[in-house]
């Protein structure tokens, strides 16, 4: 139990602890109503850590805090609106129910800092009543029921940071109840059985690199808005992206492949939303855009492949269709777009032909119930 009698708010003097003894490796540490407690250097190992009220905790660069829970309780529990945890060093959290249980508090892994959470049975990072998970360094969250579960709060990453959530038996990241996910760095979600990324609002910035692999459910579900200015790759999921009357904007690059169901499922249920695709949309599978027009660059396949639109689809005058032609067989030797209704075209066809055609070779780039219009520009190799 912290008593702070040394008056310097440093973890290491025994005088700051009950009995003037530093906590042992099997200790359940409790810090109540303290100033900003700092672990300045060295390595400290404890069983559990609970911080209530006060100003929070600093793990300085070069310092390591290990919290290795041997029981079922939450491993790190922190509450109090004034609290903030700043990790410039390294924090390793293993075992317990929730790895980190936060109540209205900010956890910030600083540039050069590391937070690693593993071997828990519940959520790796569980937060209620708002608060922010802020990653400016490196965070890995592995196993358990879910990786990140935040209610009424935010998840932010900055350029140069890396957040990895993997091997969960349920969702990867869930930020609900008005929650916001803003990714300016690298966010990797691997082998999550449930929805990999679920939030009220999802923003992938121009510097953001968002990668989802082997999702057992939906790759991305945004309730209100999904904005991609950066790079998004989804490889393997039940559904790649699911939006239900949500605002959609893509000025970056989206690649989706290997889904068991739709690659992109946009449900128009009569609500109000905005829809804009001026970036790159690439991949294989079914892309149901609910009849919303597509601009930008459309790239069927991942070298090569087929992109299917189940209803009528308009490709606007600002749209460029990029196709790869390596032979006469669709899907395996050349890209193809399949439209379940009318395909309306008026933009640019940019074809790369990577084999020596023979007289009579026929390449079908678009197949549809009906085709309206023609390409205004066709770019072919000499």
Protein backbone atom coordinates (compact mmCIF):
# COMPACT_ATOMS: atom_id res chain seq x y z
CA UNK A 1 0.00 0.00 0.00
CA UNK A 2 1.35 3.41 -1.05
CA UNK A 3 1.68 5.97 1.76
CA UNK A 4 3.95 8.50 0.03
CA UNK A 5 5.81 9.35 3.24
CA UNK A 6 9.06 10.13 1.39
CA UNK A 7 7.25 13.02 -0.31
CA UNK A 8 8.94 12.62 -3.71
CA UNK A 9 6.27 10.54 -5.53
CA UNK A 10 8.93 8.06 -6.67
CA UNK A 11 8.17 4.34 -6.74
CA UNK A 12 11.62 3.19 -5.67
CA UNK A 13 12.17 4.54 -2.14
CA UNK A 14 10.80 2.03 0.35
CA UNK A 15 9.77 4.97 2.51
CA UNK A 16 6.85 5.65 0.12
CA UNK A 17 5.30 2.27 0.95
CA UNK A 18 3.57 0.83 3.98
CA UNK A 19 6.16 -0.62 6.33
CA UNK A 20 8.89 1.21 4.41
CA UNK A 21 9.32 -1.83 2.15
CA UNK A 22 9.15 -1.94 -1.64
CA UNK A 23 6.39 -4.21 -3.02
CA UNK A 24 7.47 -7.79 -3.69
CA UNK A 25 6.84 -9.67 -6.94
CA UNK A 26 3.71 -11.33 -5.51
CA UNK A 27 2.29 -8.13 -4.03
CA UNK A 28 -1.12 -6.67 -4.89
CA UNK A 29 -0.16 -3.01 -5.09
CA UNK A 30 -2.67 -0.29 -4.19
CA UNK A 31 -2.01 3.43 -4.78
CA UNK A 32 -4.79 5.72 -3.50
CA UNK A 33 -5.09 9.52 -3.65
CA UNK A 34 -1.44 10.05 -4.55
CA UNK A 35 0.34 12.55 -6.72
CA UNK A 36 1.80 11.44 -10.05
CA UNK A 37 3.81 8.38 -9.03
CA UNK A 38 6.93 7.83 -11.15
CA UNK A 39 8.94 4.67 -11.77
CA UNK A 40 12.19 6.38 -12.80
CA UNK A 41 14.40 3.41 -13.72
CA UNK A 42 15.04 -0.29 -13.21
CA UNK A 43 12.66 -3.24 -13.36
CA UNK A 44 9.77 -3.78 -10.97
CA UNK A 45 7.52 -6.86 -10.87
CA UNK A 46 4.24 -7.13 -8.95
CA UNK A 47 1.14 -9.35 -9.03
CA UNK A 48 -1.61 -6.74 -9.53
CA UNK A 49 -1.80 -2.95 -9.57
CA UNK A 50 -4.73 -0.76 -8.50
CA UNK A 51 -4.63 3.05 -8.70
CA UNK A 52 -7.56 5.12 -7.45
CA UNK A 53 -7.91 8.89 -7.75
CA UNK A 54 -4.76 11.00 -7.53
CA UNK A 55 -2.78 12.08 -10.59
CA UNK A 56 -1.65 8.79 -12.11
CA UNK A 57 1.50 6.91 -13.02
CA UNK A 58 4.62 7.56 -15.11
CA UNK A 59 6.88 4.74 -16.29
CA UNK A 60 9.98 6.59 -17.41
CA UNK A 61 12.15 5.74 -20.42
CA UNK A 62 14.46 2.88 -19.45
CA UNK A 63 12.16 1.63 -16.69
CA UNK A 64 10.16 -1.63 -16.88
CA UNK A 65 7.01 -2.50 -14.96
CA UNK A 66 5.89 -6.14 -15.02
CA UNK A 67 2.43 -6.97 -13.69
CA UNK A 68 2.09 -10.75 -13.73
CA UNK A 69 -1.27 -11.75 -12.32
CA UNK A 70 -1.49 -15.31 -11.01
CA UNK A 71 -5.21 -15.04 -10.17
CA UNK A 72 -8.57 -14.29 -11.83
CA UNK A 73 -8.89 -10.63 -10.81
CA UNK A 74 -8.18 -7.74 -13.20
CA UNK A 75 -4.44 -7.27 -13.52
CA UNK A 76 -4.31 -3.45 -13.66
CA UNK A 77 -7.28 -1.40 -12.39
CA UNK A 78 -7.29 2.37 -12.63
CA UNK A 79 -10.09 4.83 -11.84
CA UNK A 80 -10.47 8.56 -11.23
CA UNK A 81 -11.10 11.35 -13.71
CA UNK A 82 -7.84 13.15 -12.93
CA UNK A 83 -5.72 10.10 -13.58
CA UNK A 84 -3.41 9.53 -16.53
CA UNK A 85 -0.92 6.74 -17.16
CA UNK A 86 2.12 7.67 -19.27
CA UNK A 87 4.40 4.89 -20.47
CA UNK A 88 7.74 6.07 -21.84
CA UNK A 89 9.45 2.85 -20.76
CA UNK A 90 8.00 -0.67 -20.91
CA UNK A 91 4.92 -2.17 -19.27
CA UNK A 92 4.26 -5.92 -19.52
CA UNK A 93 0.85 -7.11 -18.31
CA UNK A 94 -0.01 -10.82 -18.19
CA UNK A 95 -2.84 -12.93 -16.80
CA UNK A 96 -6.01 -12.07 -14.90
CA UNK A 97 -9.52 -11.21 -16.05
CA UNK A 98 -9.11 -7.90 -17.89
CA UNK A 99 -5.52 -6.97 -18.59
CA UNK A 100 -6.25 -3.28 -17.97
CA UNK A 101 -9.53 -2.08 -16.43
CA UNK A 102 -9.95 1.69 -16.83
CA UNK A 103 -12.72 3.96 -15.58
CA UNK A 104 -12.68 7.41 -17.18
CA UNK A 105 -8.88 7.45 -17.47
CA UNK A 106 -6.30 7.96 -20.25
CA UNK A 107 -3.59 5.40 -20.94
CA UNK A 108 -0.85 6.85 -23.14
CA UNK A 109 2.07 4.87 -24.53
CA UNK A 110 4.56 7.57 -25.42
CA UNK A 111 7.04 7.66 -28.36
CA UNK A 112 9.64 4.97 -27.67
CA UNK A 113 7.43 3.40 -25.01
CA UNK A 114 5.95 -0.10 -25.07
CA UNK A 115 2.82 -1.67 -23.58
CA UNK A 116 2.30 -5.43 -23.96
CA UNK A 117 -0.83 -7.23 -22.72
CA UNK A 118 -1.29 -11.00 -22.95
CA UNK A 119 -2.69 -14.19 -21.36
CA UNK A 120 -5.84 -12.56 -19.94
CA UNK A 121 -9.27 -14.21 -20.02
CA UNK A 122 -11.48 -11.16 -20.55
CA UNK A 123 -10.57 -7.98 -22.45
CA UNK A 124 -7.02 -6.86 -22.93
CA UNK A 125 -7.97 -3.22 -22.49
CA UNK A 126 -11.40 -2.55 -20.97
CA UNK A 127 -12.60 1.02 -20.42
CA UNK A 128 -15.90 2.50 -19.26
CA UNK A 129 -17.16 6.07 -18.75
CA UNK A 130 -15.07 7.55 -21.52
CA UNK A 131 -11.34 7.95 -21.35
CA UNK A 132 -8.76 7.56 -24.10
CA UNK A 133 -6.35 4.89 -25.22
CA UNK A 134 -3.53 6.87 -26.82
CA UNK A 135 -0.74 5.02 -28.61
CA UNK A 136 2.34 6.95 -29.64
CA UNK A 137 4.76 4.04 -29.28
CA UNK A 138 4.25 0.27 -29.53
CA UNK A 139 1.32 -1.71 -28.14
CA UNK A 140 0.58 -5.42 -28.52
CA UNK A 141 -2.56 -7.08 -27.17
CA UNK A 142 -2.80 -10.85 -27.58
CA UNK A 143 -5.45 -13.45 -26.74
CA UNK A 144 -8.46 -13.34 -24.46
CA UNK A 145 -12.07 -12.56 -25.29
CA UNK A 146 -11.31 -9.25 -27.03
CA UNK A 147 -8.40 -6.91 -27.50
CA UNK A 148 -9.82 -3.43 -26.84
CA UNK A 149 -13.30 -2.74 -25.45
CA UNK A 150 -14.06 0.97 -24.88
CA UNK A 151 -17.41 2.55 -24.09
CA UNK A 152 -17.94 6.27 -24.79
CA UNK A 153 -14.24 6.87 -25.29
CA UNK A 154 -11.54 7.14 -27.93
CA UNK A 155 -8.70 5.16 -29.43
CA UNK A 156 -5.97 7.30 -31.02
CA UNK A 157 -2.69 6.36 -32.66
CA UNK A 158 -0.11 8.78 -34.09
CA UNK A 159 2.21 8.56 -37.07
CA UNK A 160 5.09 6.16 -36.41
CA UNK A 161 3.25 4.16 -33.75
CA UNK A 162 2.30 0.47 -33.99
CA UNK A 163 -0.77 -1.14 -32.41
CA UNK A 164 -1.27 -4.89 -32.84
CA UNK A 165 -4.32 -6.83 -31.64
CA UNK A 166 -4.27 -10.56 -32.32
CA UNK A 167 -5.58 -14.03 -31.54
CA UNK A 168 -8.78 -13.05 -29.73
CA UNK A 169 -11.71 -15.44 -29.32
CA UNK A 170 -14.13 -12.53 -29.91
CA UNK A 171 -13.86 -8.98 -31.30
CA UNK A 172 -10.54 -7.29 -31.93
CA UNK A 173 -11.29 -3.61 -31.21
CA UNK A 174 -14.71 -2.30 -30.15
CA UNK A 175 -15.22 1.41 -29.41
CA UNK A 176 -18.96 1.96 -29.05
CA UNK A 177 -21.44 4.38 -27.50
CA UNK A 178 -20.26 7.38 -29.50
CA UNK A 179 -16.68 6.13 -29.58
CA UNK A 180 -14.08 7.24 -32.12
CA UNK A 181 -11.09 5.41 -33.60
CA UNK A 182 -8.44 7.64 -35.22
CA UNK A 183 -5.46 5.89 -36.76
CA UNK A 184 -2.46 7.93 -37.88
CA UNK A 185 0.06 5.11 -37.45
CA UNK A 186 0.07 1.35 -38.08
CA UNK A 187 -2.85 -0.69 -36.76
CA UNK A 188 -2.75 -4.47 -37.25
CA UNK A 189 -5.63 -6.80 -36.37
CA UNK A 190 -4.82 -10.47 -36.88
CA UNK A 191 -6.85 -13.63 -36.23
CA UNK A 192 -9.74 -12.05 -34.35
CA UNK A 193 -12.73 -14.40 -34.28
CA UNK A 194 -15.35 -11.63 -34.02
CA UNK A 195 -15.55 -8.26 -35.78
CA UNK A 196 -11.99 -6.98 -36.07
CA UNK A 197 -12.76 -3.24 -35.82
CA UNK A 198 -16.13 -1.95 -34.65
CA UNK A 199 -16.74 1.70 -33.74
CA UNK A 200 -19.19 4.54 -34.02
CA UNK A 201 -16.71 6.52 -36.13
CA UNK A 202 -13.54 5.23 -37.81
CA UNK A 203 -10.92 7.53 -39.34
CA UNK A 204 -7.78 6.22 -41.05
CA UNK A 205 -5.56 9.24 -41.72
CA UNK A 206 -3.28 9.80 -44.72
CA UNK A 207 -0.35 8.43 -42.67
CA UNK A 208 -2.47 5.54 -41.40
CA UNK A 209 -1.82 1.94 -42.37
CA UNK A 210 -4.67 -0.32 -41.26
CA UNK A 211 -4.26 -4.07 -41.84
CA UNK A 212 -6.79 -6.80 -41.04
CA UNK A 213 -6.01 -10.48 -41.64
CA UNK A 214 -8.02 -13.65 -41.01
CA UNK A 215 -11.03 -12.02 -39.36
CA UNK A 216 -13.57 -14.59 -38.23
CA UNK A 217 -16.33 -11.98 -38.58
CA UNK A 218 -16.56 -8.57 -40.22
CA UNK A 219 -13.31 -6.75 -40.88
CA UNK A 220 -14.66 -3.22 -40.33
CA UNK A 221 -18.04 -2.06 -39.07
CA UNK A 222 -18.58 1.68 -38.70
CA UNK A 223 -21.92 2.76 -37.26
CA UNK A 224 -21.94 6.46 -38.16
CA UNK A 225 -18.94 7.20 -40.39
CA UNK A 226 -15.97 5.52 -42.05
CA UNK A 227 -13.27 7.74 -43.56
CA UNK A 228 -10.14 6.38 -45.22
CA UNK A 229 -7.40 8.76 -46.32
CA UNK A 230 -4.60 6.22 -45.90
CA UNK A 231 -4.04 2.54 -46.69
CA UNK A 232 -6.47 -0.20 -45.69
CA UNK A 233 -5.90 -3.88 -46.45
CA UNK A 234 -8.33 -6.66 -45.50
CA UNK A 235 -7.21 -10.21 -46.26
CA UNK A 236 -9.63 -12.88 -45.10
CA UNK A 237 -12.95 -12.14 -43.35
CA UNK A 238 -16.60 -13.14 -43.39
CA UNK A 239 -17.46 -9.61 -44.60
CA UNK A 240 -14.73 -7.10 -45.42
CA UNK A 241 -16.48 -3.78 -44.70
CA UNK A 242 -20.06 -3.38 -43.47
CA UNK A 243 -21.73 0.05 -43.40
CA UNK A 244 -25.42 0.66 -42.66
CA UNK A 245 -26.50 4.19 -43.71
CA UNK A 246 -23.08 5.40 -42.54
CA UNK A 247 -21.09 8.23 -44.10
CA UNK A 248 -18.37 6.83 -46.39
CA UNK A 249 -15.33 8.62 -47.77
CA UNK A 250 -12.28 7.05 -49.41
CA UNK A 251 -9.50 9.24 -50.77
CA UNK A 252 -6.80 6.68 -49.98
CA UNK A 253 -6.44 3.03 -50.93
CA UNK A 254 -8.66 0.09 -49.93
CA UNK A 255 -7.80 -3.51 -50.88
CA UNK A 256 -10.10 -6.39 -49.91
CA UNK A 257 -9.65 -10.07 -50.76
CA UNK A 258 -10.34 -13.55 -49.44
CA UNK A 259 -13.76 -12.91 -47.89
CA UNK A 260 -16.32 -15.69 -47.41
CA UNK A 261 -19.17 -13.22 -47.84
CA UNK A 262 -19.32 -9.71 -49.32
CA UNK A 263 -16.07 -7.82 -49.66
CA UNK A 264 -17.95 -4.53 -49.19
CA UNK A 265 -21.56 -4.44 -47.98
CA UNK A 266 -23.19 -1.00 -47.94
CA UNK A 267 -26.78 -1.19 -46.71
CA UNK A 268 -29.06 1.69 -47.71
CA UNK A 269 -32.02 1.49 -45.34
CA UNK A 270 -33.41 4.94 -46.09
CA UNK A 271 -31.26 6.89 -43.64
CA UNK A 272 -29.28 10.02 -44.42
CA UNK A 273 -25.63 9.55 -45.35
CA UNK A 274 -22.87 10.82 -47.64
CA UNK A 275 -20.94 8.60 -50.06
CA UNK A 276 -17.69 9.48 -51.84
CA UNK A 277 -15.03 7.28 -53.42
CA UNK A 278 -12.26 9.29 -55.08
CA UNK A 279 -9.40 7.02 -53.99
CA UNK A 280 -8.52 3.47 -54.97
CA UNK A 281 -10.88 0.53 -54.41
CA UNK A 282 -9.25 -2.78 -55.19
CA UNK A 283 -9.98 -6.43 -54.61
CA UNK A 284 -11.96 -9.57 -55.25
CA UNK A 285 -15.43 -10.66 -54.23
CA UNK A 286 -18.79 -8.91 -54.06
CA UNK A 287 -18.88 -5.14 -53.67
CA UNK A 288 -22.45 -4.09 -52.89
CA UNK A 289 -22.42 -0.28 -52.97
CA UNK A 290 -26.25 -0.04 -52.84
CA UNK A 291 -26.29 1.74 -56.21
CA UNK A 292 -24.01 4.60 -55.10
CA UNK A 293 -21.77 5.87 -57.91
CA UNK A 294 -18.05 5.21 -57.86
CA UNK A 295 -15.29 7.60 -58.85
CA UNK A 296 -11.59 7.24 -58.17
CA UNK A 297 -9.63 4.21 -59.34
CA UNK A 298 -11.30 0.80 -59.46
CA UNK A 299 -8.98 -2.19 -59.64
CA UNK A 300 -10.61 -5.64 -59.88
CA UNK A 301 -8.55 -8.51 -58.56
CA UNK A 302 -5.28 -8.71 -56.75
CA UNK A 303 -3.39 -9.95 -59.84
CA UNK A 304 -5.72 -10.86 -61.49
CA UNK A 305 -9.30 -11.44 -60.26
CA UNK A 306 -12.98 -10.59 -60.39
CA UNK A 307 -14.91 -7.80 -58.72
CA UNK A 308 -18.68 -8.37 -58.61
CA UNK A 309 -21.39 -5.73 -58.18
CA UNK A 310 -24.75 -7.42 -57.47
CA UNK A 311 -26.92 -4.49 -58.59
CA UNK A 312 -26.64 -1.75 -61.23
CA UNK A 313 -23.43 0.22 -60.84
CA UNK A 314 -22.34 3.60 -62.19
CA UNK A 315 -18.67 4.34 -62.79
CA UNK A 316 -18.47 8.12 -63.15
CA UNK A 317 -16.54 10.26 -65.62
CA UNK A 318 -13.85 10.72 -62.96
CA UNK A 319 -13.47 6.95 -62.56
CA UNK A 320 -10.48 5.02 -63.91
CA UNK A 321 -10.82 1.27 -64.36
CA UNK A 322 -7.42 -0.41 -64.13
CA UNK A 323 -7.23 -3.95 -65.48
CA UNK A 324 -4.43 -6.47 -65.87
CA UNK A 325 -4.47 -8.78 -68.90
CA UNK A 326 -2.18 -11.81 -68.88
CA UNK A 327 -4.30 -14.06 -71.11
CA UNK A 328 -7.84 -14.73 -72.31
CA UNK A 329 -9.32 -16.48 -69.24
CA UNK A 330 -11.25 -14.17 -66.89
CA UNK A 331 -10.40 -14.17 -63.17
CA UNK A 332 -7.24 -16.25 -63.55
CA UNK A 333 -5.56 -14.60 -66.56
CA UNK A 334 -7.27 -11.24 -66.69
CA UNK A 335 -9.31 -8.95 -64.45
CA UNK A 336 -13.04 -8.70 -64.87
CA UNK A 337 -15.96 -6.71 -63.46
CA UNK A 338 -19.33 -8.47 -63.20
CA UNK A 339 -22.43 -6.30 -62.72
CA UNK A 340 -25.79 -7.84 -61.79
CA UNK A 341 -27.71 -5.00 -63.43
CA UNK A 342 -26.74 -2.14 -65.73
CA UNK A 343 -23.11 -1.03 -65.82
CA UNK A 344 -22.90 2.68 -66.63
CA UNK A 345 -19.44 3.80 -67.78
CA UNK A 346 -17.99 7.11 -68.94
CA UNK A 347 -14.47 7.41 -67.53
CA UNK A 348 -11.07 5.90 -68.34
CA UNK A 349 -10.00 2.35 -69.10
CA UNK A 350 -6.33 1.75 -68.29
CA UNK A 351 -5.25 -1.74 -69.37
CA UNK A 352 -1.86 -3.39 -68.94
CA UNK A 353 -1.37 -6.26 -71.42
CA UNK A 354 1.33 -8.63 -70.28
CA UNK A 355 1.20 -11.37 -72.92
CA UNK A 356 1.48 -11.61 -76.70
CA UNK A 357 -2.11 -11.70 -78.04
CA UNK A 358 -3.10 -13.88 -80.97
CA UNK A 359 -5.51 -12.93 -83.73
CA UNK A 360 -9.07 -13.53 -82.50
CA UNK A 361 -8.30 -13.25 -78.78
CA UNK A 362 -11.31 -11.82 -76.98
CA UNK A 363 -10.95 -10.13 -73.60
CA UNK A 364 -14.18 -9.37 -71.71
CA UNK A 365 -13.46 -6.69 -69.14
CA UNK A 366 -17.05 -5.96 -68.08
CA UNK A 367 -20.00 -8.29 -68.15
CA UNK A 368 -23.45 -7.01 -67.14
CA UNK A 369 -27.16 -7.34 -67.80
CA UNK A 370 -26.75 -4.17 -69.86
CA UNK A 371 -23.94 -1.66 -70.49
CA UNK A 372 -24.70 2.03 -70.87
CA UNK A 373 -22.14 4.50 -72.22
CA UNK A 374 -18.55 4.02 -73.20
CA UNK A 375 -15.10 4.91 -71.94
CA UNK A 376 -14.09 8.45 -72.82
CA UNK A 377 -10.41 7.48 -72.67
CA UNK A 378 -8.75 4.13 -73.32
CA UNK A 379 -5.10 3.65 -72.43
CA UNK A 380 -3.38 0.62 -73.94
CA UNK A 381 0.30 -0.31 -74.24
CA UNK A 382 1.91 0.23 -77.64
